[in-house]
Amino acid sequence: MVAAVSGLITTGALDMRDALPEGGGLIGLDLGTQTIGTAFCDADWRIASPGKTIKRGKFTIDKALIAALIAERSIKGLVIGLPLNMDGSEGPRAQSARAYARNLAVLGLPILLWDERWSTSSAERGLIEQDMSRAKRKERIDSAAAAVILQAAIDALAGGMAW
């Protein structure tokens, strides 16, 4: 049995898969300025589902709430949306996501930073297709976007794609 690589922060699906050779549940995070959308997947990396939306506060409080979700669901790794610019470059928001990941590394779980371009618009389209009202979409969009991010990541993890 190979233990998960703690402290790993990567943008490579293969690195994350190598860190978790036995799979395990993952939590996806969509970091907004006011909220954090969460999503979860099964241990076999098949389906991502939206979770709670956390109202952002002080980092210590956010970390405690995320740690509680991790413990509650026996999570083995994190996937954090990396907000790249449309040309693939990193701006201030991407640097902020990287800093957030470094701060969460104390939780001892491997972290995959995943390109989140188009995740919110994709999530919004899905919610509209469900005929969800604008008010309900507003309260669920962040967790739906986290599920889009996590689903793309687990598709790469399970399928062995290197991107």
N, C-alpha and C. Protein backbone atom coordinates (compact mmCIF):
# COMPACT_ATOMS: atom_id res chain seq x y z
N MET A 1 0.84 -1.18 0.00
CA MET A 1 0.00 0.00 0.00
C MET A 1 0.89 1.24 0.00
N VAL A 2 0.69 2.12 -0.98
CA VAL A 2 1.47 3.34 -1.10
C VAL A 2 0.68 4.49 -0.49
N ALA A 3 1.31 5.25 0.37
CA ALA A 3 0.63 6.38 1.01
C ALA A 3 0.54 7.55 0.04
N ALA A 4 -0.47 8.40 0.24
CA ALA A 4 -0.61 9.61 -0.55
C ALA A 4 0.58 10.53 -0.28
N VAL A 5 0.97 11.26 -1.30
CA VAL A 5 2.06 12.22 -1.15
C VAL A 5 1.50 13.48 -0.54
N SER A 6 1.82 13.73 0.72
CA SER A 6 1.31 14.96 1.34
C SER A 6 2.19 16.12 0.95
N GLY A 7 1.60 17.29 0.87
CA GLY A 7 2.33 18.47 0.51
C GLY A 7 2.48 18.66 -1.00
N LEU A 8 2.03 17.70 -1.81
CA LEU A 8 2.12 17.82 -3.25
C LEU A 8 1.11 18.86 -3.74
N ILE A 9 1.60 19.82 -4.50
CA ILE A 9 0.73 20.77 -5.20
C ILE A 9 1.17 20.72 -6.66
N THR A 10 0.26 20.33 -7.54
CA THR A 10 0.62 20.11 -8.94
C THR A 10 -0.47 20.60 -9.88
N THR A 11 -0.09 20.80 -11.12
CA THR A 11 -1.07 21.05 -12.18
C THR A 11 -1.17 19.84 -13.10
N GLY A 12 -0.47 18.78 -12.77
CA GLY A 12 -0.45 17.58 -13.61
C GLY A 12 -1.33 16.47 -13.07
N ALA A 13 -2.27 16.03 -13.91
CA ALA A 13 -3.17 14.94 -13.51
C ALA A 13 -2.39 13.66 -13.19
N LEU A 14 -1.33 13.39 -13.96
CA LEU A 14 -0.55 12.17 -13.72
C LEU A 14 0.14 12.22 -12.36
N ASP A 15 0.65 13.39 -11.97
CA ASP A 15 1.28 13.53 -10.64
C ASP A 15 0.26 13.24 -9.55
N MET A 16 -0.94 13.77 -9.72
CA MET A 16 -1.99 13.56 -8.72
C MET A 16 -2.38 12.09 -8.67
N ARG A 17 -2.52 11.48 -9.84
CA ARG A 17 -2.88 10.06 -9.87
C ARG A 17 -1.80 9.22 -9.21
N ASP A 18 -0.53 9.56 -9.45
CA ASP A 18 0.57 8.83 -8.81
C ASP A 18 0.55 9.02 -7.29
N ALA A 19 0.11 10.19 -6.83
CA ALA A 19 0.05 10.46 -5.40
C ALA A 19 -1.09 9.69 -4.73
N LEU A 20 -2.08 9.28 -5.52
CA LEU A 20 -3.24 8.56 -4.99
C LEU A 20 -3.45 7.27 -5.79
N PRO A 21 -2.52 6.32 -5.69
CA PRO A 21 -2.61 5.12 -6.52
C PRO A 21 -3.84 4.26 -6.24
N GLU A 22 -4.44 4.43 -5.06
CA GLU A 22 -5.63 3.65 -4.73
C GLU A 22 -6.90 4.46 -4.87
N GLY A 23 -6.79 5.63 -5.50
CA GLY A 23 -7.97 6.48 -5.68
C GLY A 23 -8.38 7.12 -4.37
N GLY A 24 -9.65 7.31 -4.22
CA GLY A 24 -10.19 7.93 -3.00
C GLY A 24 -10.99 9.16 -3.34
N GLY A 25 -11.90 9.50 -2.46
CA GLY A 25 -12.75 10.66 -2.67
C GLY A 25 -11.94 11.95 -2.76
N LEU A 26 -12.42 12.85 -3.58
CA LEU A 26 -11.78 14.15 -3.75
C LEU A 26 -12.78 15.26 -3.48
N ILE A 27 -12.28 16.39 -3.04
CA ILE A 27 -13.09 17.59 -2.91
C ILE A 27 -12.60 18.59 -3.95
N GLY A 28 -13.53 19.21 -4.64
CA GLY A 28 -13.22 20.26 -5.59
C GLY A 28 -13.61 21.60 -5.00
N LEU A 29 -12.77 22.61 -5.23
CA LEU A 29 -13.04 23.94 -4.71
C LEU A 29 -13.00 24.96 -5.84
N ASP A 30 -14.04 25.79 -5.91
CA ASP A 30 -14.07 26.93 -6.81
C ASP A 30 -13.96 28.17 -5.93
N LEU A 31 -12.79 28.79 -5.95
CA LEU A 31 -12.51 29.91 -5.06
C LEU A 31 -13.00 31.21 -5.66
N GLY A 32 -14.03 31.78 -5.06
CA GLY A 32 -14.49 33.09 -5.45
C GLY A 32 -14.02 34.12 -4.44
N THR A 33 -14.27 35.37 -4.71
CA THR A 33 -13.85 36.41 -3.77
C THR A 33 -14.73 36.44 -2.54
N GLN A 34 -16.00 36.03 -2.67
CA GLN A 34 -16.91 36.05 -1.54
C GLN A 34 -17.35 34.68 -1.07
N THR A 35 -17.24 33.69 -1.93
CA THR A 35 -17.68 32.34 -1.59
C THR A 35 -16.69 31.31 -2.13
N ILE A 36 -16.82 30.09 -1.59
CA ILE A 36 -16.06 28.94 -2.08
C ILE A 36 -17.09 27.87 -2.42
N GLY A 37 -17.15 27.51 -3.68
CA GLY A 37 -18.02 26.41 -4.08
C GLY A 37 -17.30 25.10 -3.82
N THR A 38 -18.03 24.10 -3.34
CA THR A 38 -17.43 22.79 -3.10
C THR A 38 -18.14 21.73 -3.94
N ALA A 39 -17.42 20.68 -4.24
CA ALA A 39 -17.98 19.53 -4.93
C ALA A 39 -17.22 18.30 -4.45
N PHE A 40 -17.82 17.15 -4.63
CA PHE A 40 -17.22 15.90 -4.16
C PHE A 40 -17.36 14.84 -5.25
N CYS A 41 -16.41 13.90 -5.25
CA CYS A 41 -16.53 12.76 -6.16
C CYS A 41 -16.35 11.47 -5.37
N ASP A 42 -16.79 10.42 -5.99
CA ASP A 42 -16.67 9.09 -5.39
C ASP A 42 -15.22 8.63 -5.43
N ALA A 43 -14.93 7.57 -4.71
CA ALA A 43 -13.56 7.06 -4.59
C ALA A 43 -13.01 6.51 -5.90
N ASP A 44 -13.91 6.16 -6.83
CA ASP A 44 -13.48 5.62 -8.12
C ASP A 44 -13.32 6.70 -9.19
N TRP A 45 -13.52 7.96 -8.82
CA TRP A 45 -13.34 9.11 -9.73
C TRP A 45 -14.25 9.01 -10.95
N ARG A 46 -15.53 8.78 -10.69
CA ARG A 46 -16.48 8.68 -11.80
C ARG A 46 -17.39 9.89 -11.90
N ILE A 47 -17.97 10.31 -10.78
CA ILE A 47 -18.98 11.37 -10.83
C ILE A 47 -18.71 12.43 -9.78
N ALA A 48 -18.72 13.68 -10.22
CA ALA A 48 -18.59 14.82 -9.31
C ALA A 48 -19.98 15.41 -9.06
N SER A 49 -20.24 15.74 -7.82
CA SER A 49 -21.53 16.32 -7.43
C SER A 49 -21.30 17.59 -6.64
N PRO A 50 -22.14 18.62 -6.88
CA PRO A 50 -22.00 19.86 -6.11
C PRO A 50 -22.21 19.62 -4.63
N GLY A 51 -21.50 20.38 -3.82
CA GLY A 51 -21.65 20.32 -2.37
C GLY A 51 -22.17 21.65 -1.85
N LYS A 52 -21.66 22.05 -0.71
CA LYS A 52 -22.07 23.30 -0.08
C LYS A 52 -21.32 24.48 -0.69
N THR A 53 -21.89 25.65 -0.52
CA THR A 53 -21.18 26.88 -0.83
C THR A 53 -20.80 27.50 0.51
N ILE A 54 -19.53 27.79 0.66
CA ILE A 54 -19.01 28.36 1.91
C ILE A 54 -18.83 29.86 1.72
N LYS A 55 -19.35 30.64 2.63
CA LYS A 55 -19.12 32.08 2.60
C LYS A 55 -17.70 32.33 3.09
N ARG A 56 -16.90 33.02 2.28
CA ARG A 56 -15.50 33.24 2.65
C ARG A 56 -15.41 34.21 3.81
N GLY A 57 -14.50 33.88 4.69
CA GLY A 57 -14.19 34.73 5.84
C GLY A 57 -12.70 34.73 6.03
N LYS A 58 -12.28 34.72 7.28
CA LYS A 58 -10.85 34.61 7.56
C LYS A 58 -10.38 33.22 7.13
N PHE A 59 -9.14 33.15 6.67
CA PHE A 59 -8.64 31.88 6.16
C PHE A 59 -8.72 30.77 7.20
N THR A 60 -8.43 31.07 8.45
CA THR A 60 -8.46 30.02 9.48
C THR A 60 -9.85 29.41 9.60
N ILE A 61 -10.88 30.22 9.44
CA ILE A 61 -12.25 29.71 9.50
C ILE A 61 -12.55 28.89 8.25
N ASP A 62 -12.18 29.43 7.08
CA ASP A 62 -12.37 28.68 5.83
C ASP A 62 -11.69 27.32 5.90
N LYS A 63 -10.44 27.32 6.36
CA LYS A 63 -9.67 26.07 6.44
C LYS A 63 -10.35 25.08 7.38
N ALA A 64 -10.86 25.55 8.50
CA ALA A 64 -11.54 24.67 9.44
C ALA A 64 -12.80 24.06 8.81
N LEU A 65 -13.55 24.86 8.06
CA LEU A 65 -14.76 24.34 7.40
C LEU A 65 -14.40 23.31 6.33
N ILE A 66 -13.35 23.59 5.56
CA ILE A 66 -12.90 22.65 4.53
C ILE A 66 -12.37 21.38 5.19
N ALA A 67 -11.62 21.52 6.26
CA ALA A 67 -11.09 20.35 6.99
C ALA A 67 -12.22 19.49 7.52
N ALA A 68 -13.29 20.12 8.00
CA ALA A 68 -14.44 19.36 8.50
C ALA A 68 -15.11 18.57 7.38
N LEU A 69 -15.23 19.17 6.20
CA LEU A 69 -15.80 18.45 5.05
C LEU A 69 -14.91 17.29 4.63
N ILE A 70 -13.61 17.51 4.68
CA ILE A 70 -12.64 16.46 4.34
C ILE A 70 -12.77 15.28 5.31
N ALA A 71 -12.85 15.57 6.60
CA ALA A 71 -12.97 14.51 7.60
C ALA A 71 -14.31 13.78 7.48
N GLU A 72 -15.37 14.54 7.25
CA GLU A 72 -16.72 13.97 7.16
C GLU A 72 -16.83 12.96 6.02
N ARG A 73 -16.12 13.20 4.94
CA ARG A 73 -16.24 12.35 3.75
C ARG A 73 -14.99 11.51 3.45
N SER A 74 -14.05 11.49 4.37
CA SER A 74 -12.79 10.73 4.19
C SER A 74 -12.11 11.07 2.86
N ILE A 75 -11.96 12.33 2.62
CA ILE A 75 -11.37 12.84 1.38
C ILE A 75 -9.87 12.55 1.35
N LYS A 76 -9.36 12.18 0.18
CA LYS A 76 -7.94 11.84 0.02
C LYS A 76 -7.14 12.92 -0.72
N GLY A 77 -7.81 13.85 -1.41
CA GLY A 77 -7.10 14.89 -2.15
C GLY A 77 -8.02 16.04 -2.51
N LEU A 78 -7.41 17.16 -2.89
CA LEU A 78 -8.15 18.36 -3.26
C LEU A 78 -7.89 18.72 -4.71
N VAL A 79 -8.92 19.26 -5.36
CA VAL A 79 -8.79 19.83 -6.69
C VAL A 79 -9.27 21.27 -6.56
N ILE A 80 -8.38 22.20 -6.87
CA ILE A 80 -8.70 23.62 -6.75
C ILE A 80 -8.68 24.24 -8.13
N GLY A 81 -9.75 24.98 -8.44
CA GLY A 81 -9.81 25.66 -9.73
C GLY A 81 -8.71 26.70 -9.85
N LEU A 82 -8.00 26.67 -10.97
CA LEU A 82 -6.94 27.63 -11.26
C LEU A 82 -7.45 28.57 -12.36
N PRO A 83 -7.77 29.81 -12.00
CA PRO A 83 -8.36 30.74 -12.97
C PRO A 83 -7.33 31.35 -13.91
N LEU A 84 -7.04 30.64 -14.98
CA LEU A 84 -6.09 31.12 -15.98
C LEU A 84 -6.77 32.15 -16.89
N ASN A 85 -5.96 33.02 -17.47
CA ASN A 85 -6.46 33.93 -18.49
C ASN A 85 -6.78 33.13 -19.74
N MET A 86 -7.55 33.71 -20.64
CA MET A 86 -7.95 32.98 -21.84
C MET A 86 -6.76 32.53 -22.69
N ASP A 87 -5.63 33.24 -22.61
CA ASP A 87 -4.45 32.83 -23.37
C ASP A 87 -3.61 31.80 -22.62
N GLY A 88 -4.09 31.36 -21.45
CA GLY A 88 -3.39 30.35 -20.67
C GLY A 88 -2.40 30.92 -19.67
N SER A 89 -2.19 32.22 -19.70
CA SER A 89 -1.26 32.84 -18.75
C SER A 89 -1.92 32.98 -17.38
N GLU A 90 -1.10 33.24 -16.38
CA GLU A 90 -1.59 33.40 -15.02
C GLU A 90 -1.59 34.87 -14.63
N GLY A 91 -2.69 35.30 -14.08
CA GLY A 91 -2.82 36.66 -13.57
C GLY A 91 -2.92 36.64 -12.06
N PRO A 92 -3.36 37.74 -11.47
CA PRO A 92 -3.48 37.84 -10.01
C PRO A 92 -4.42 36.80 -9.39
N ARG A 93 -5.51 36.47 -10.07
CA ARG A 93 -6.45 35.48 -9.50
C ARG A 93 -5.82 34.09 -9.44
N ALA A 94 -5.03 33.74 -10.46
CA ALA A 94 -4.34 32.44 -10.45
C ALA A 94 -3.30 32.40 -9.34
N GLN A 95 -2.58 33.50 -9.16
CA GLN A 95 -1.59 33.56 -8.08
C GLN A 95 -2.28 33.43 -6.72
N SER A 96 -3.45 34.03 -6.59
CA SER A 96 -4.22 33.92 -5.35
C SER A 96 -4.64 32.46 -5.10
N ALA A 97 -5.05 31.76 -6.15
CA ALA A 97 -5.44 30.35 -6.02
C ALA A 97 -4.23 29.50 -5.62
N ARG A 98 -3.07 29.80 -6.19
CA ARG A 98 -1.85 29.07 -5.82
C ARG A 98 -1.50 29.32 -4.35
N ALA A 99 -1.63 30.55 -3.90
CA ALA A 99 -1.35 30.88 -2.50
C ALA A 99 -2.33 30.15 -1.58
N TYR A 100 -3.60 30.09 -1.98
CA TYR A 100 -4.61 29.39 -1.19
C TYR A 100 -4.25 27.91 -1.08
N ALA A 101 -3.82 27.34 -2.20
CA ALA A 101 -3.40 25.93 -2.21
C ALA A 101 -2.22 25.71 -1.26
N ARG A 102 -1.24 26.60 -1.32
CA ARG A 102 -0.08 26.47 -0.42
C ARG A 102 -0.53 26.53 1.04
N ASN A 103 -1.47 27.39 1.34
CA ASN A 103 -1.97 27.50 2.71
C ASN A 103 -2.76 26.26 3.13
N LEU A 104 -3.45 25.62 2.18
CA LEU A 104 -4.20 24.40 2.50
C LEU A 104 -3.31 23.17 2.57
N ALA A 105 -2.07 23.28 2.11
CA ALA A 105 -1.15 22.14 2.12
C ALA A 105 -0.93 21.60 3.53
N VAL A 106 -1.16 22.42 4.55
CA VAL A 106 -1.00 21.95 5.93
C VAL A 106 -2.00 20.85 6.27
N LEU A 107 -3.03 20.69 5.45
CA LEU A 107 -4.00 19.60 5.68
C LEU A 107 -3.40 18.24 5.35
N GLY A 108 -2.24 18.24 4.67
CA GLY A 108 -1.53 16.99 4.41
C GLY A 108 -2.05 16.16 3.25
N LEU A 109 -2.85 16.76 2.37
CA LEU A 109 -3.39 16.03 1.22
C LEU A 109 -2.81 16.58 -0.07
N PRO A 110 -2.65 15.72 -1.08
CA PRO A 110 -2.19 16.23 -2.37
C PRO A 110 -3.24 17.17 -2.98
N ILE A 111 -2.75 18.18 -3.70
CA ILE A 111 -3.62 19.20 -4.28
C ILE A 111 -3.33 19.30 -5.77
N LEU A 112 -4.38 19.21 -6.57
CA LEU A 112 -4.30 19.39 -8.00
C LEU A 112 -4.93 20.73 -8.35
N LEU A 113 -4.16 21.60 -8.98
CA LEU A 113 -4.67 22.87 -9.49
C LEU A 113 -5.15 22.63 -10.91
N TRP A 114 -6.45 22.88 -11.15
CA TRP A 114 -7.04 22.52 -12.44
C TRP A 114 -7.59 23.75 -13.14
N ASP A 115 -7.26 23.88 -14.42
CA ASP A 115 -7.72 24.99 -15.26
C ASP A 115 -9.24 25.10 -15.17
N GLU A 116 -9.70 26.26 -14.72
CA GLU A 116 -11.14 26.42 -14.55
C GLU A 116 -11.79 27.32 -15.60
N ARG A 117 -11.04 27.64 -16.68
CA ARG A 117 -11.65 28.47 -17.72
C ARG A 117 -12.95 27.84 -18.21
N TRP A 118 -13.97 28.63 -18.31
CA TRP A 118 -15.30 28.25 -18.79
C TRP A 118 -16.12 27.45 -17.79
N SER A 119 -15.61 27.17 -16.60
CA SER A 119 -16.36 26.33 -15.65
C SER A 119 -17.66 27.01 -15.20
N THR A 120 -17.61 28.30 -14.92
CA THR A 120 -18.81 28.99 -14.45
C THR A 120 -19.86 29.07 -15.55
N SER A 121 -19.44 29.37 -16.77
CA SER A 121 -20.43 29.46 -17.85
C SER A 121 -21.00 28.08 -18.17
N SER A 122 -20.18 27.05 -18.07
CA SER A 122 -20.67 25.69 -18.28
C SER A 122 -21.67 25.30 -17.19
N ALA A 123 -21.34 25.65 -15.95
CA ALA A 123 -22.25 25.36 -14.83
C ALA A 123 -23.56 26.11 -14.99
N GLU A 124 -23.46 27.37 -15.40
CA GLU A 124 -24.68 28.18 -15.58
C GLU A 124 -25.57 27.58 -16.66
N ARG A 125 -24.97 27.16 -17.77
CA ARG A 125 -25.76 26.52 -18.84
C ARG A 125 -26.48 25.29 -18.30
N GLY A 126 -25.78 24.49 -17.50
CA GLY A 126 -26.40 23.29 -16.93
C GLY A 126 -27.57 23.62 -16.02
N LEU A 127 -27.42 24.67 -15.22
CA LEU A 127 -28.50 25.07 -14.32
C LEU A 127 -29.69 25.64 -15.09
N ILE A 128 -29.41 26.36 -16.17
CA ILE A 128 -30.48 26.89 -17.01
C ILE A 128 -31.23 25.74 -17.68
N GLU A 129 -30.48 24.73 -18.14
CA GLU A 129 -31.11 23.56 -18.76
C GLU A 129 -32.02 22.84 -17.78
N GLN A 130 -31.74 22.97 -16.48
CA GLN A 130 -32.60 22.37 -15.46
C GLN A 130 -33.79 23.27 -15.14
N ASP A 131 -33.90 24.39 -15.89
CA ASP A 131 -34.99 25.35 -15.72
C ASP A 131 -34.99 25.95 -14.31
N MET A 132 -33.79 26.20 -13.79
CA MET A 132 -33.64 26.76 -12.46
C MET A 132 -33.79 28.28 -12.52
N SER A 133 -34.49 28.83 -11.57
CA SER A 133 -34.70 30.27 -11.53
C SER A 133 -33.37 31.00 -11.32
N ARG A 134 -33.35 32.27 -11.71
CA ARG A 134 -32.14 33.08 -11.57
C ARG A 134 -31.69 33.15 -10.12
N ALA A 135 -32.62 33.28 -9.19
CA ALA A 135 -32.28 33.35 -7.76
C ALA A 135 -31.63 32.06 -7.28
N LYS A 136 -32.20 30.92 -7.68
CA LYS A 136 -31.61 29.63 -7.27
C LYS A 136 -30.26 29.41 -7.93
N ARG A 137 -30.13 29.84 -9.20
CA ARG A 137 -28.83 29.72 -9.88
C ARG A 137 -27.77 30.50 -9.13
N LYS A 138 -28.12 31.69 -8.67
CA LYS A 138 -27.16 32.54 -7.96
C LYS A 138 -26.62 31.84 -6.71
N GLU A 139 -27.50 31.15 -5.98
CA GLU A 139 -27.03 30.50 -4.76
C GLU A 139 -26.32 29.17 -5.01
N ARG A 140 -26.47 28.60 -6.20
CA ARG A 140 -25.87 27.29 -6.49
C ARG A 140 -24.73 27.32 -7.50
N ILE A 141 -24.49 28.47 -8.12
CA ILE A 141 -23.53 28.52 -9.22
C ILE A 141 -22.12 28.14 -8.79
N ASP A 142 -21.68 28.58 -7.62
CA ASP A 142 -20.30 28.31 -7.20
C ASP A 142 -20.04 26.82 -6.99
N SER A 143 -20.99 26.13 -6.38
CA SER A 143 -20.81 24.69 -6.18
C SER A 143 -20.99 23.92 -7.48
N ALA A 144 -21.86 24.42 -8.36
CA ALA A 144 -22.00 23.79 -9.67
C ALA A 144 -20.70 23.96 -10.47
N ALA A 145 -20.08 25.13 -10.38
CA ALA A 145 -18.80 25.35 -11.06
C ALA A 145 -17.71 24.45 -10.46
N ALA A 146 -17.73 24.27 -9.14
CA ALA A 146 -16.77 23.36 -8.50
C ALA A 146 -16.94 21.94 -9.03
N ALA A 147 -18.20 21.54 -9.26
CA ALA A 147 -18.46 20.20 -9.80
C ALA A 147 -17.94 20.07 -11.23
N VAL A 148 -18.07 21.13 -12.03
CA VAL A 148 -17.55 21.12 -13.41
C VAL A 148 -16.02 20.97 -13.37
N ILE A 149 -15.37 21.74 -12.51
CA ILE A 149 -13.91 21.67 -12.37
C ILE A 149 -13.49 20.27 -11.94
N LEU A 150 -14.15 19.76 -10.90
CA LEU A 150 -13.80 18.44 -10.38
C LEU A 150 -14.06 17.34 -11.41
N GLN A 151 -15.17 17.43 -12.13
CA GLN A 151 -15.48 16.41 -13.14
C GLN A 151 -14.42 16.38 -14.23
N ALA A 152 -13.99 17.55 -14.69
CA ALA A 152 -12.94 17.60 -15.73
C ALA A 152 -11.65 16.97 -15.18
N ALA A 153 -11.32 17.27 -13.94
CA ALA A 153 -10.10 16.72 -13.35
C ALA A 153 -10.19 15.20 -13.19
N ILE A 154 -11.31 14.71 -12.69
CA ILE A 154 -11.40 13.25 -12.47
C ILE A 154 -11.50 12.50 -13.81
N ASP A 155 -12.06 13.15 -14.83
CA ASP A 155 -12.04 12.52 -16.15
C ASP A 155 -10.60 12.31 -16.59
N ALA A 156 -9.74 13.31 -16.36
CA ALA A 156 -8.33 13.19 -16.71
C ALA A 156 -7.63 12.18 -15.81
N LEU A 157 -7.93 12.20 -14.51
CA LEU A 157 -7.31 11.26 -13.57
C LEU A 157 -7.67 9.82 -13.91
N ALA A 158 -8.94 9.58 -14.10
CA ALA A 158 -9.40 8.21 -14.35
C ALA A 158 -8.98 7.72 -15.72
N GLY A 159 -8.93 8.64 -16.68
CA GLY A 159 -8.61 8.25 -18.04
C GLY A 159 -7.12 8.26 -18.34
N GLY A 160 -6.35 8.79 -17.41
CA GLY A 160 -4.91 8.80 -17.62
C GLY A 160 -4.41 9.90 -18.51
N MET A 161 -5.24 10.91 -18.79
CA MET A 161 -4.78 12.02 -19.62
C MET A 161 -3.72 12.80 -18.85
N ALA A 162 -2.75 13.34 -19.54
CA ALA A 162 -1.62 14.02 -18.90
C ALA A 162 -1.83 15.52 -18.73
N TRP A 163 -2.90 16.09 -19.24
CA TRP A 163 -3.00 17.55 -19.16
C TRP A 163 -3.34 18.06 -17.83
